């Protein structure tokens, strides 16, 4: 199964917040698992994320979208996923 990690928009008009979800790439409306939330309109920006689950999904082969990848790079989740992929270390 080809999985992707993406942002899914929620909220009211002009007041969006985002769920970070794992979905099947062939069925983009569904959601396999929710990893966290991202509220970019709040000051400071609010990011609630289960980093261990995110790293686990990336190590299993899930591809993050460009915007999610940037969030993960800021929070060192890509490093955790790389460590999970290396079984000898």
Protein backbone atom coordinates (compact mmCIF):
# COMPACT_ATOMS: atom_id res chain seq x y z
CA UNK A 1 0.00 0.00 0.00
CA UNK A 2 1.41 3.38 -1.02
CA UNK A 3 0.94 5.78 1.90
CA UNK A 4 1.47 9.51 2.16
CA UNK A 5 1.60 11.90 5.09
CA UNK A 6 -0.22 15.13 4.35
CA UNK A 7 -2.07 18.08 5.83
CA UNK A 8 -5.86 17.82 5.90
CA UNK A 9 -7.68 21.16 6.27
CA UNK A 10 -10.22 21.62 9.05
CA UNK A 11 -11.82 24.63 10.70
CA UNK A 12 -14.12 27.44 9.64
CA UNK A 13 -13.88 29.91 6.77
CA UNK A 14 -10.78 32.12 7.25
CA UNK A 15 -9.85 30.16 10.41
CA UNK A 16 -8.12 27.02 9.18
CA UNK A 17 -6.13 24.51 11.15
CA UNK A 18 -4.64 21.31 9.82
CA UNK A 19 -4.59 17.67 10.81
CA UNK A 20 -1.41 15.78 9.94
CA UNK A 21 -2.69 12.44 8.65
CA UNK A 22 -1.48 9.24 7.00
CA UNK A 23 -3.57 8.30 3.96
CA UNK A 24 -3.55 5.82 1.13
CA UNK A 25 -2.32 7.66 -1.96
CA UNK A 26 -5.00 6.01 -4.10
CA UNK A 27 -7.81 7.20 -1.79
CA UNK A 28 -6.87 10.76 -0.79
CA UNK A 29 -10.07 11.51 1.16
CA UNK A 30 -9.62 8.72 3.70
CA UNK A 31 -7.41 8.70 6.74
CA UNK A 32 -5.48 5.71 8.12
CA UNK A 33 -4.15 7.47 11.21
CA UNK A 34 -3.97 11.01 12.59
CA UNK A 35 -0.49 12.01 13.74
CA UNK A 36 -1.17 15.49 15.06
CA UNK A 37 -2.43 19.02 14.40
CA UNK A 38 -0.91 22.21 13.03
CA UNK A 39 -2.39 25.68 13.59
CA UNK A 40 -0.42 28.25 11.61
CA UNK A 41 -2.69 31.24 12.38
CA UNK A 42 -2.03 31.12 16.12
CA UNK A 43 0.82 33.18 17.49
CA UNK A 44 3.12 31.38 18.21
CA UNK A 45 2.42 28.66 15.66
CA UNK A 46 1.00 25.57 17.35
CA UNK A 47 2.22 22.11 16.34
CA UNK A 48 1.08 19.03 18.27
CA UNK A 49 2.61 15.89 16.84
CA UNK A 50 3.30 12.31 17.88
CA UNK A 51 6.92 12.25 16.69
CA UNK A 52 7.40 8.53 17.34
CA UNK A 53 4.40 7.55 15.20
CA UNK A 54 5.50 9.91 12.43
CA UNK A 55 9.02 8.46 12.41
CA UNK A 56 7.57 4.95 12.39
CA UNK A 57 5.38 5.68 9.34
CA UNK A 58 8.30 7.26 7.47
CA UNK A 59 10.50 4.26 8.26
CA UNK A 60 7.74 2.01 6.86
CA UNK A 61 7.88 3.91 3.56
CA UNK A 62 5.23 6.64 3.87
CA UNK A 63 6.14 9.69 1.78
CA UNK A 64 5.50 13.10 3.42
CA UNK A 65 4.14 15.91 1.27
CA UNK A 66 6.43 18.91 0.75
CA UNK A 67 4.76 21.02 3.45
CA UNK A 68 4.78 18.16 5.97
CA UNK A 69 8.40 17.38 5.13
CA UNK A 70 9.34 20.98 5.99
CA UNK A 71 7.54 20.69 9.35
CA UNK A 72 9.29 17.39 10.05
CA UNK A 73 12.71 18.83 9.18
CA UNK A 74 12.17 21.69 11.65
CA UNK A 75 11.34 19.19 14.39
CA UNK A 76 14.06 16.57 13.64
CA UNK A 77 11.56 13.84 12.82
CA UNK A 78 13.38 12.92 9.61
CA UNK A 79 16.47 12.11 11.72
CA UNK A 80 14.43 9.81 13.97
CA UNK A 81 13.02 8.04 10.93
CA UNK A 82 16.51 7.56 9.47
CA UNK A 83 17.62 5.99 12.77
CA UNK A 84 14.67 3.58 12.69
CA UNK A 85 15.55 2.52 9.13
CA UNK A 86 19.06 1.50 10.20
CA UNK A 87 18.48 -1.72 12.15
CA UNK A 88 22.14 -2.24 13.09
CA UNK A 89 22.48 0.96 15.07
